[in-house]
Amino acid sequence: MTRPARRPPPTCYNPLVRVAMGGRRLRIGLVAAVVFIVDLLTKQWISTHLQTGQSIQVIPGLFSLTYVSNAGAAFGLLQNQTLLFIAITVAVIALIVTYGRRAARQQPLLGVAFGLQLGGALGNLLDRLLYARVIDFLNVRGFPYIFNVADSAIVVGGILFALVALREPAPAPPGGRDA
């Protein structure tokens, strides 16, 4: 059995051009880096400019920035289990790095999905390592929980992953069409 021909390496080494040309590993890393940096900067701004519990109305009656800290998982579950969350996050990051590279070669949108999830996981991991809690601040009226950029990226990455998975045709059964 012969292997499919590999694409030649890009002739341009500009990272933005490589992304456009299909640099899958770069796509995951670039998306993850952007999410991580935006998450870090927004959490730093919130913790510098607001007191815990303080809120600033951004869009009155709809959206505010409210500084809270969360020592639990999503939605405040399992409070004060920092070591457990760190271990789970490290395992998830390892899975994303291992599986994400392979999957992104076959489906470019998966590179974006895994990049969003990786950046979000790294952002919340840094908070847990430094503070044993996560800084949350995005407060949407009608939504019962306050969250952060990392959480948003993880959720959007998960939705994108699900959409790609639903769009992909089911693999053919081994041994023929009706096996």
N, C-alpha and C. Protein backbone atom coordinates (compact mmCIF):
# COMPACT_ATOMS: atom_id res chain seq x y z
N MET A 1 0.84 -1.17 0.00
CA MET A 1 0.00 0.00 0.00
C MET A 1 0.89 1.24 0.00
N THR A 2 0.60 2.17 -0.85
CA THR A 2 1.43 3.37 -0.94
C THR A 2 0.81 4.47 -0.10
N ARG A 3 1.67 5.32 0.38
CA ARG A 3 1.21 6.47 1.17
C ARG A 3 0.87 7.61 0.22
N PRO A 4 -0.10 8.44 0.59
CA PRO A 4 -0.41 9.60 -0.25
C PRO A 4 0.79 10.55 -0.26
N ALA A 5 0.95 11.24 -1.36
CA ALA A 5 2.06 12.19 -1.49
C ALA A 5 1.90 13.30 -0.46
N ARG A 6 3.01 13.67 0.15
CA ARG A 6 2.99 14.78 1.12
C ARG A 6 3.10 16.09 0.37
N ARG A 7 2.47 17.09 0.93
CA ARG A 7 2.59 18.42 0.33
C ARG A 7 4.00 18.94 0.53
N PRO A 8 4.51 19.65 -0.46
CA PRO A 8 5.85 20.23 -0.28
C PRO A 8 5.80 21.30 0.81
N PRO A 9 6.92 21.54 1.47
CA PRO A 9 6.93 22.57 2.51
C PRO A 9 6.65 23.94 1.90
N PRO A 10 6.07 24.84 2.68
CA PRO A 10 5.78 26.17 2.14
C PRO A 10 7.07 26.88 1.75
N THR A 11 6.98 27.69 0.73
CA THR A 11 8.16 28.42 0.28
C THR A 11 8.33 29.71 1.07
N CYS A 12 7.31 30.13 1.76
CA CYS A 12 7.38 31.35 2.55
C CYS A 12 7.39 30.97 4.03
N TYR A 13 8.25 31.57 4.81
CA TYR A 13 8.34 31.23 6.22
C TYR A 13 7.69 32.27 7.11
N ASN A 14 6.92 33.19 6.54
CA ASN A 14 6.14 34.14 7.32
C ASN A 14 5.03 33.36 8.02
N PRO A 15 4.93 33.42 9.37
CA PRO A 15 3.93 32.62 10.08
C PRO A 15 2.50 32.86 9.62
N LEU A 16 2.13 34.10 9.32
CA LEU A 16 0.76 34.36 8.89
C LEU A 16 0.47 33.72 7.54
N VAL A 17 1.45 33.73 6.66
CA VAL A 17 1.28 33.09 5.36
C VAL A 17 1.20 31.58 5.54
N ARG A 18 2.01 31.02 6.46
CA ARG A 18 1.96 29.57 6.70
C ARG A 18 0.59 29.15 7.21
N VAL A 19 -0.02 29.97 8.08
CA VAL A 19 -1.36 29.65 8.56
C VAL A 19 -2.32 29.59 7.39
N ALA A 20 -2.24 30.59 6.51
CA ALA A 20 -3.12 30.62 5.35
C ALA A 20 -2.85 29.45 4.41
N MET A 21 -1.59 28.99 4.38
CA MET A 21 -1.24 27.88 3.49
C MET A 21 -1.51 26.53 4.14
N GLY A 22 -1.90 26.52 5.41
CA GLY A 22 -2.26 25.25 6.05
C GLY A 22 -1.29 24.75 7.08
N GLY A 23 -0.53 25.60 7.75
CA GLY A 23 0.35 25.16 8.83
C GLY A 23 -0.47 24.78 10.05
N ARG A 24 -0.92 23.53 10.12
CA ARG A 24 -1.85 23.09 11.15
C ARG A 24 -1.29 23.27 12.56
N ARG A 25 -0.05 22.86 12.78
CA ARG A 25 0.53 22.99 14.11
C ARG A 25 0.59 24.46 14.51
N LEU A 26 0.94 25.30 13.57
CA LEU A 26 1.00 26.72 13.85
C LEU A 26 -0.39 27.24 14.18
N ARG A 27 -1.41 26.75 13.48
CA ARG A 27 -2.77 27.21 13.73
C ARG A 27 -3.15 26.91 15.18
N ILE A 28 -2.92 25.71 15.66
CA ILE A 28 -3.25 25.37 17.04
C ILE A 28 -2.46 26.27 17.99
N GLY A 29 -1.16 26.38 17.76
CA GLY A 29 -0.31 27.18 18.64
C GLY A 29 -0.66 28.66 18.61
N LEU A 30 -0.93 29.19 17.44
CA LEU A 30 -1.25 30.61 17.31
C LEU A 30 -2.57 30.93 18.00
N VAL A 31 -3.59 30.12 17.74
CA VAL A 31 -4.89 30.34 18.39
C VAL A 31 -4.74 30.21 19.90
N ALA A 32 -4.04 29.19 20.36
CA ALA A 32 -3.84 28.99 21.79
C ALA A 32 -3.10 30.18 22.41
N ALA A 33 -2.08 30.68 21.73
CA ALA A 33 -1.31 31.82 22.25
C ALA A 33 -2.18 33.07 22.35
N VAL A 34 -2.98 33.33 21.34
CA VAL A 34 -3.85 34.51 21.37
C VAL A 34 -4.85 34.41 22.52
N VAL A 35 -5.48 33.25 22.66
CA VAL A 35 -6.45 33.06 23.76
C VAL A 35 -5.75 33.23 25.10
N PHE A 36 -4.61 32.59 25.26
CA PHE A 36 -3.87 32.65 26.53
C PHE A 36 -3.51 34.09 26.88
N ILE A 37 -3.00 34.83 25.92
CA ILE A 37 -2.57 36.22 26.18
C ILE A 37 -3.76 37.11 26.48
N VAL A 38 -4.84 36.99 25.71
CA VAL A 38 -6.03 37.80 25.97
C VAL A 38 -6.60 37.46 27.35
N ASP A 39 -6.66 36.18 27.68
CA ASP A 39 -7.15 35.76 28.99
C ASP A 39 -6.28 36.34 30.10
N LEU A 40 -4.97 36.23 29.96
CA LEU A 40 -4.04 36.74 30.96
C LEU A 40 -4.19 38.25 31.15
N LEU A 41 -4.23 38.98 30.03
CA LEU A 41 -4.33 40.44 30.12
C LEU A 41 -5.65 40.90 30.71
N THR A 42 -6.75 40.24 30.34
CA THR A 42 -8.05 40.65 30.89
C THR A 42 -8.14 40.34 32.38
N LYS A 43 -7.63 39.19 32.80
CA LYS A 43 -7.64 38.85 34.23
C LYS A 43 -6.75 39.81 35.01
N GLN A 44 -5.63 40.18 34.42
CA GLN A 44 -4.72 41.11 35.08
C GLN A 44 -5.39 42.48 35.23
N TRP A 45 -6.08 42.92 34.19
CA TRP A 45 -6.77 44.22 34.24
C TRP A 45 -7.85 44.19 35.32
N ILE A 46 -8.65 43.13 35.33
CA ILE A 46 -9.73 43.02 36.31
C ILE A 46 -9.19 43.03 37.73
N SER A 47 -8.16 42.23 37.99
CA SER A 47 -7.63 42.13 39.35
C SER A 47 -6.91 43.40 39.78
N THR A 48 -6.47 44.21 38.83
CA THR A 48 -5.80 45.46 39.16
C THR A 48 -6.79 46.60 39.38
N HIS A 49 -7.89 46.59 38.64
CA HIS A 49 -8.82 47.72 38.66
C HIS A 49 -10.09 47.51 39.48
N LEU A 50 -10.38 46.28 39.89
CA LEU A 50 -11.59 46.02 40.67
C LEU A 50 -11.26 45.28 41.95
N GLN A 51 -12.07 45.48 42.95
CA GLN A 51 -11.99 44.71 44.19
C GLN A 51 -12.86 43.46 44.00
N THR A 52 -12.56 42.39 44.72
CA THR A 52 -13.38 41.19 44.65
C THR A 52 -14.83 41.55 44.96
N GLY A 53 -15.73 41.12 44.09
CA GLY A 53 -17.15 41.40 44.25
C GLY A 53 -17.61 42.69 43.59
N GLN A 54 -16.67 43.56 43.21
CA GLN A 54 -17.03 44.83 42.57
C GLN A 54 -17.46 44.59 41.13
N SER A 55 -18.38 45.42 40.64
CA SER A 55 -18.92 45.25 39.30
C SER A 55 -18.96 46.58 38.56
N ILE A 56 -18.70 46.53 37.26
CA ILE A 56 -18.80 47.69 36.38
C ILE A 56 -19.80 47.36 35.29
N GLN A 57 -20.83 48.19 35.13
CA GLN A 57 -21.80 48.00 34.06
C GLN A 57 -21.15 48.39 32.72
N VAL A 58 -21.16 47.48 31.78
CA VAL A 58 -20.63 47.76 30.44
C VAL A 58 -21.79 48.09 29.52
N ILE A 59 -22.78 47.22 29.49
CA ILE A 59 -24.04 47.45 28.78
C ILE A 59 -25.13 47.33 29.84
N PRO A 60 -25.64 48.47 30.33
CA PRO A 60 -26.57 48.44 31.46
C PRO A 60 -27.73 47.45 31.24
N GLY A 61 -27.94 46.64 32.27
CA GLY A 61 -29.02 45.66 32.24
C GLY A 61 -28.72 44.41 31.44
N LEU A 62 -27.55 44.35 30.78
CA LEU A 62 -27.24 43.19 29.94
C LEU A 62 -25.89 42.56 30.25
N PHE A 63 -24.85 43.39 30.40
CA PHE A 63 -23.49 42.85 30.54
C PHE A 63 -22.68 43.72 31.49
N SER A 64 -21.98 43.07 32.42
CA SER A 64 -21.10 43.79 33.33
C SER A 64 -19.83 42.98 33.58
N LEU A 65 -18.84 43.66 34.09
CA LEU A 65 -17.60 43.03 34.53
C LEU A 65 -17.69 42.94 36.04
N THR A 66 -17.68 41.73 36.57
CA THR A 66 -17.82 41.50 38.00
C THR A 66 -16.67 40.59 38.44
N TYR A 67 -15.83 41.08 39.32
CA TYR A 67 -14.66 40.33 39.75
C TYR A 67 -15.03 39.33 40.85
N VAL A 68 -14.90 38.05 40.52
CA VAL A 68 -15.09 36.98 41.50
C VAL A 68 -13.95 35.99 41.32
N SER A 69 -13.71 35.19 42.35
CA SER A 69 -12.73 34.11 42.20
C SER A 69 -13.46 32.80 42.44
N ASN A 70 -13.00 31.78 41.74
CA ASN A 70 -13.66 30.48 41.76
C ASN A 70 -12.60 29.42 42.09
N ALA A 71 -12.75 28.78 43.24
CA ALA A 71 -11.82 27.73 43.63
C ALA A 71 -12.32 26.36 43.20
N GLY A 72 -13.40 26.33 42.41
CA GLY A 72 -13.97 25.07 41.94
C GLY A 72 -13.82 24.92 40.45
N ALA A 73 -14.56 23.97 39.91
CA ALA A 73 -14.57 23.73 38.47
C ALA A 73 -15.64 24.63 37.85
N ALA A 74 -16.03 24.30 36.63
CA ALA A 74 -17.07 25.05 35.94
C ALA A 74 -18.31 25.12 36.84
N PHE A 75 -18.91 26.29 36.87
CA PHE A 75 -20.14 26.53 37.63
C PHE A 75 -19.95 26.35 39.14
N GLY A 76 -18.70 26.45 39.61
CA GLY A 76 -18.42 26.38 41.02
C GLY A 76 -18.48 24.99 41.64
N LEU A 77 -18.49 23.96 40.81
CA LEU A 77 -18.54 22.59 41.33
C LEU A 77 -17.20 22.20 41.94
N LEU A 78 -17.23 21.28 42.89
CA LEU A 78 -16.03 20.69 43.50
C LEU A 78 -15.05 21.76 44.01
N GLN A 79 -15.51 22.60 44.90
CA GLN A 79 -14.68 23.66 45.45
C GLN A 79 -13.41 23.13 46.12
N ASN A 80 -12.32 23.87 45.96
CA ASN A 80 -11.04 23.62 46.64
C ASN A 80 -10.41 22.27 46.30
N GLN A 81 -10.55 21.82 45.09
CA GLN A 81 -9.91 20.59 44.62
C GLN A 81 -8.80 20.95 43.62
N THR A 82 -7.97 21.91 43.98
CA THR A 82 -6.97 22.47 43.07
C THR A 82 -6.07 21.42 42.45
N LEU A 83 -5.52 20.51 43.24
CA LEU A 83 -4.60 19.50 42.70
C LEU A 83 -5.31 18.60 41.70
N LEU A 84 -6.55 18.25 41.96
CA LEU A 84 -7.33 17.45 41.02
C LEU A 84 -7.51 18.19 39.70
N PHE A 85 -7.85 19.48 39.78
CA PHE A 85 -8.06 20.26 38.56
C PHE A 85 -6.76 20.45 37.78
N ILE A 86 -5.67 20.62 38.49
CA ILE A 86 -4.37 20.75 37.82
C ILE A 86 -4.04 19.45 37.08
N ALA A 87 -4.22 18.32 37.73
CA ALA A 87 -3.93 17.02 37.10
C ALA A 87 -4.82 16.79 35.87
N ILE A 88 -6.09 17.07 36.00
CA ILE A 88 -7.01 16.90 34.87
C ILE A 88 -6.63 17.83 33.73
N THR A 89 -6.30 19.08 34.05
CA THR A 89 -5.94 20.05 33.01
C THR A 89 -4.67 19.62 32.28
N VAL A 90 -3.67 19.15 33.02
CA VAL A 90 -2.43 18.69 32.38
C VAL A 90 -2.72 17.52 31.44
N ALA A 91 -3.57 16.60 31.87
CA ALA A 91 -3.94 15.45 31.02
C ALA A 91 -4.68 15.93 29.76
N VAL A 92 -5.59 16.88 29.92
CA VAL A 92 -6.33 17.41 28.77
C VAL A 92 -5.37 18.12 27.80
N ILE A 93 -4.45 18.90 28.33
CA ILE A 93 -3.47 19.58 27.48
C ILE A 93 -2.65 18.55 26.71
N ALA A 94 -2.21 17.49 27.36
CA ALA A 94 -1.43 16.44 26.68
C ALA A 94 -2.26 15.79 25.57
N LEU A 95 -3.54 15.54 25.83
CA LEU A 95 -4.41 14.96 24.80
C LEU A 95 -4.58 15.91 23.61
N ILE A 96 -4.78 17.19 23.90
CA ILE A 96 -4.96 18.16 22.83
C ILE A 96 -3.70 18.25 21.97
N VAL A 97 -2.55 18.31 22.63
CA VAL A 97 -1.29 18.42 21.88
C VAL A 97 -1.06 17.16 21.05
N THR A 98 -1.33 16.00 21.62
CA THR A 98 -1.10 14.74 20.91
C THR A 98 -2.12 14.50 19.80
N TYR A 99 -3.37 14.53 20.16
CA TYR A 99 -4.44 14.23 19.20
C TYR A 99 -4.70 15.41 18.26
N GLY A 100 -4.61 16.61 18.78
CA GLY A 100 -4.94 17.80 18.01
C GLY A 100 -4.09 17.98 16.76
N ARG A 101 -2.82 17.70 16.87
CA ARG A 101 -1.94 17.85 15.70
C ARG A 101 -2.37 16.91 14.58
N ARG A 102 -2.64 15.66 14.94
CA ARG A 102 -3.04 14.69 13.92
C ARG A 102 -4.40 15.03 13.32
N ALA A 103 -5.33 15.39 14.17
CA ALA A 103 -6.69 15.68 13.70
C ALA A 103 -6.72 16.94 12.83
N ALA A 104 -5.92 17.93 13.19
CA ALA A 104 -5.90 19.18 12.43
C ALA A 104 -5.33 19.00 11.03
N ARG A 105 -4.49 18.00 10.84
CA ARG A 105 -3.97 17.73 9.49
C ARG A 105 -5.11 17.30 8.56
N GLN A 106 -6.08 16.58 9.11
CA GLN A 106 -7.18 16.09 8.30
C GLN A 106 -8.33 17.10 8.22
N GLN A 107 -8.52 17.91 9.23
CA GLN A 107 -9.62 18.87 9.26
C GLN A 107 -9.13 20.17 9.88
N PRO A 108 -8.85 21.19 9.05
CA PRO A 108 -8.26 22.43 9.54
C PRO A 108 -9.06 23.12 10.66
N LEU A 109 -10.39 23.03 10.63
CA LEU A 109 -11.16 23.68 11.68
C LEU A 109 -10.90 23.06 13.05
N LEU A 110 -10.49 21.80 13.06
CA LEU A 110 -10.15 21.18 14.33
C LEU A 110 -8.92 21.85 14.95
N GLY A 111 -8.02 22.35 14.11
CA GLY A 111 -6.87 23.09 14.62
C GLY A 111 -7.31 24.33 15.39
N VAL A 112 -8.32 25.01 14.87
CA VAL A 112 -8.85 26.19 15.56
C VAL A 112 -9.55 25.76 16.85
N ALA A 113 -10.37 24.70 16.77
CA ALA A 113 -11.10 24.21 17.95
C ALA A 113 -10.12 23.81 19.05
N PHE A 114 -9.12 23.02 18.69
CA PHE A 114 -8.14 22.58 19.69
C PHE A 114 -7.30 23.74 20.19
N GLY A 115 -7.00 24.71 19.33
CA GLY A 115 -6.27 25.90 19.77
C GLY A 115 -7.06 26.69 20.81
N LEU A 116 -8.37 26.85 20.59
CA LEU A 116 -9.22 27.54 21.55
C LEU A 116 -9.22 26.80 22.89
N GLN A 117 -9.38 25.50 22.82
CA GLN A 117 -9.42 24.70 24.05
C GLN A 117 -8.07 24.70 24.77
N LEU A 118 -6.99 24.59 24.01
CA LEU A 118 -5.66 24.60 24.60
C LEU A 118 -5.36 25.94 25.27
N GLY A 119 -5.64 27.03 24.60
CA GLY A 119 -5.41 28.36 25.17
C GLY A 119 -6.22 28.58 26.43
N GLY A 120 -7.48 28.14 26.41
CA GLY A 120 -8.32 28.28 27.59
C GLY A 120 -7.83 27.42 28.74
N ALA A 121 -7.44 26.19 28.44
CA ALA A 121 -6.93 25.30 29.49
C ALA A 121 -5.66 25.87 30.12
N LEU A 122 -4.77 26.40 29.29
CA LEU A 122 -3.53 26.99 29.81
C LEU A 122 -3.81 28.22 30.66
N GLY A 123 -4.77 29.04 30.23
CA GLY A 123 -5.13 30.24 30.99
C GLY A 123 -5.65 29.91 32.38
N ASN A 124 -6.57 28.96 32.46
CA ASN A 124 -7.10 28.58 33.77
C ASN A 124 -6.07 27.80 34.59
N LEU A 125 -5.22 27.03 33.92
CA LEU A 125 -4.15 26.31 34.64
C LEU A 125 -3.21 27.31 35.32
N LEU A 126 -2.84 28.36 34.62
CA LEU A 126 -1.94 29.36 35.21
C LEU A 126 -2.57 29.95 36.47
N ASP A 127 -3.86 30.29 36.41
CA ASP A 127 -4.54 30.82 37.60
C ASP A 127 -4.48 29.82 38.75
N ARG A 128 -4.75 28.56 38.46
CA ARG A 128 -4.76 27.55 39.52
C ARG A 128 -3.35 27.37 40.13
N LEU A 129 -2.33 27.42 39.28
CA LEU A 129 -0.96 27.27 39.78
C LEU A 129 -0.53 28.47 40.62
N LEU A 130 -0.93 29.67 40.19
CA LEU A 130 -0.50 30.89 40.90
C LEU A 130 -1.37 31.22 42.11
N TYR A 131 -2.68 31.01 41.99
CA TYR A 131 -3.60 31.50 43.03
C TYR A 131 -4.47 30.40 43.66
N ALA A 132 -4.42 29.17 43.16
CA ALA A 132 -5.28 28.07 43.61
C ALA A 132 -6.76 28.39 43.39
N ARG A 133 -7.02 29.25 42.45
CA ARG A 133 -8.38 29.63 42.07
C ARG A 133 -8.34 30.25 40.67
N VAL A 134 -9.50 30.47 40.10
CA VAL A 134 -9.59 31.07 38.77
C VAL A 134 -10.29 32.42 38.90
N ILE A 135 -9.80 33.41 38.20
CA ILE A 135 -10.43 34.73 38.20
C ILE A 135 -11.51 34.73 37.13
N ASP A 136 -12.75 35.03 37.53
CA ASP A 136 -13.88 35.15 36.62
C ASP A 136 -14.40 36.57 36.66
N PHE A 137 -14.96 37.04 35.53
CA PHE A 137 -15.40 38.44 35.51
C PHE A 137 -16.46 38.76 34.47
N LEU A 138 -16.74 37.89 33.52
CA LEU A 138 -17.74 38.19 32.49
C LEU A 138 -19.11 37.79 33.02
N ASN A 139 -19.98 38.78 33.16
CA ASN A 139 -21.27 38.59 33.80
C ASN A 139 -22.37 39.00 32.82
N VAL A 140 -23.09 38.01 32.29
CA VAL A 140 -24.16 38.25 31.32
C VAL A 140 -25.49 38.07 32.03
N ARG A 141 -26.34 39.09 31.94
CA ARG A 141 -27.64 39.02 32.59
C ARG A 141 -28.43 37.82 32.05
N GLY A 142 -29.02 37.09 32.96
CA GLY A 142 -29.81 35.93 32.57
C GLY A 142 -29.01 34.64 32.57
N PHE A 143 -27.69 34.74 32.53
CA PHE A 143 -26.84 33.56 32.63
C PHE A 143 -26.42 33.45 34.09
N PRO A 144 -26.62 32.30 34.72
CA PRO A 144 -26.44 32.23 36.17
C PRO A 144 -24.99 32.22 36.65
N TYR A 145 -24.01 32.16 35.77
CA TYR A 145 -22.61 32.04 36.19
C TYR A 145 -21.77 33.16 35.61
N ILE A 146 -20.72 33.50 36.34
CA ILE A 146 -19.72 34.46 35.87
C ILE A 146 -18.55 33.64 35.36
N PHE A 147 -17.97 34.05 34.24
CA PHE A 147 -16.93 33.26 33.59
C PHE A 147 -15.82 34.16 33.09
N ASN A 148 -14.85 33.61 32.36
CA ASN A 148 -13.73 34.39 31.87
C ASN A 148 -13.45 34.06 30.39
N VAL A 149 -12.43 34.68 29.83
CA VAL A 149 -12.08 34.46 28.42
C VAL A 149 -11.68 33.00 28.19
N ALA A 150 -10.92 32.42 29.11
CA ALA A 150 -10.50 31.02 28.96
C ALA A 150 -11.71 30.09 28.91
N ASP A 151 -12.66 30.31 29.80
CA ASP A 151 -13.87 29.48 29.80
C ASP A 151 -14.60 29.60 28.47
N SER A 152 -14.72 30.84 27.98
CA SER A 152 -15.41 31.07 26.71
C SER A 152 -14.71 30.34 25.57
N ALA A 153 -13.39 30.39 25.55
CA ALA A 153 -12.63 29.73 24.49
C ALA A 153 -12.82 28.21 24.55
N ILE A 154 -12.83 27.65 25.76
CA ILE A 154 -13.02 26.21 25.91
C ILE A 154 -14.40 25.80 25.38
N VAL A 155 -15.41 26.57 25.73
CA VAL A 155 -16.78 26.24 25.29
C VAL A 155 -16.91 26.41 23.78
N VAL A 156 -16.42 27.52 23.23
CA VAL A 156 -16.51 27.75 21.78
C VAL A 156 -15.71 26.67 21.03
N GLY A 157 -14.54 26.31 21.55
CA GLY A 157 -13.75 25.23 20.94
C GLY A 157 -14.50 23.91 20.97
N GLY A 158 -15.18 23.63 22.07
CA GLY A 158 -15.97 22.40 22.16
C GLY A 158 -17.13 22.38 21.19
N ILE A 159 -17.80 23.52 21.04
CA ILE A 159 -18.91 23.62 20.08
C ILE A 159 -18.39 23.45 18.66
N LEU A 160 -17.28 24.11 18.35
CA LEU A 160 -16.69 23.97 17.02
C LEU A 160 -16.28 22.53 16.74
N PHE A 161 -15.69 21.87 17.73
CA PHE A 161 -15.32 20.46 17.59
C PHE A 161 -16.55 19.62 17.30
N ALA A 162 -17.64 19.84 18.04
CA ALA A 162 -18.87 19.08 17.83
C ALA A 162 -19.45 19.33 16.45
N LEU A 163 -19.43 20.57 16.00
CA LEU A 163 -19.96 20.89 14.67
C LEU A 163 -19.16 20.20 13.57
N VAL A 164 -17.84 20.19 13.72
CA VAL A 164 -16.99 19.51 12.74
C VAL A 164 -17.28 18.01 12.77
N ALA A 165 -17.40 17.44 13.97
CA ALA A 165 -17.66 16.00 14.09
C ALA A 165 -19.01 15.63 13.48
N LEU A 166 -20.01 16.48 13.68
CA LEU A 166 -21.33 16.20 13.11
C LEU A 166 -21.34 16.34 11.59
N ARG A 167 -20.49 17.20 11.08
CA ARG A 167 -20.42 17.45 9.64
C ARG A 167 -19.68 16.36 8.89
N GLU A 168 -18.75 15.69 9.58
CA GLU A 168 -17.94 14.66 8.93
C GLU A 168 -18.79 13.44 8.61
N PRO A 169 -18.61 12.85 7.43
CA PRO A 169 -19.36 11.60 7.13
C PRO A 169 -18.83 10.45 7.98
N ALA A 170 -19.71 9.51 8.27
CA ALA A 170 -19.33 8.34 9.05
C ALA A 170 -18.33 7.53 8.25
N PRO A 171 -17.33 6.93 8.92
CA PRO A 171 -16.33 6.13 8.19
C PRO A 171 -17.00 4.88 7.59
N ALA A 172 -16.50 4.45 6.44
CA ALA A 172 -17.02 3.25 5.79
C ALA A 172 -16.67 2.03 6.62
N PRO A 173 -17.58 1.07 6.70
CA PRO A 173 -17.25 -0.13 7.47
C PRO A 173 -16.14 -0.92 6.80
N PRO A 174 -15.32 -1.62 7.58
CA PRO A 174 -14.24 -2.38 6.97
C PRO A 174 -14.79 -3.53 6.12
N GLY A 175 -14.13 -3.81 5.03
CA GLY A 175 -14.49 -4.93 4.18
C GLY A 175 -15.53 -4.63 3.12
N GLY A 176 -15.85 -3.40 2.90
CA GLY A 176 -16.79 -3.10 1.81
C GLY A 176 -17.95 -2.25 2.27
N ARG A 177 -18.87 -2.05 1.33
CA ARG A 177 -19.99 -1.14 1.58
C ARG A 177 -20.99 -1.71 2.58
N ASP A 178 -21.32 -2.98 2.51
CA ASP A 178 -22.38 -3.54 3.34
C ASP A 178 -21.89 -4.52 4.39
N ALA A 179 -20.64 -4.46 4.74
CA ALA A 179 -20.08 -5.43 5.68
C ALA A 179 -20.66 -5.31 7.06
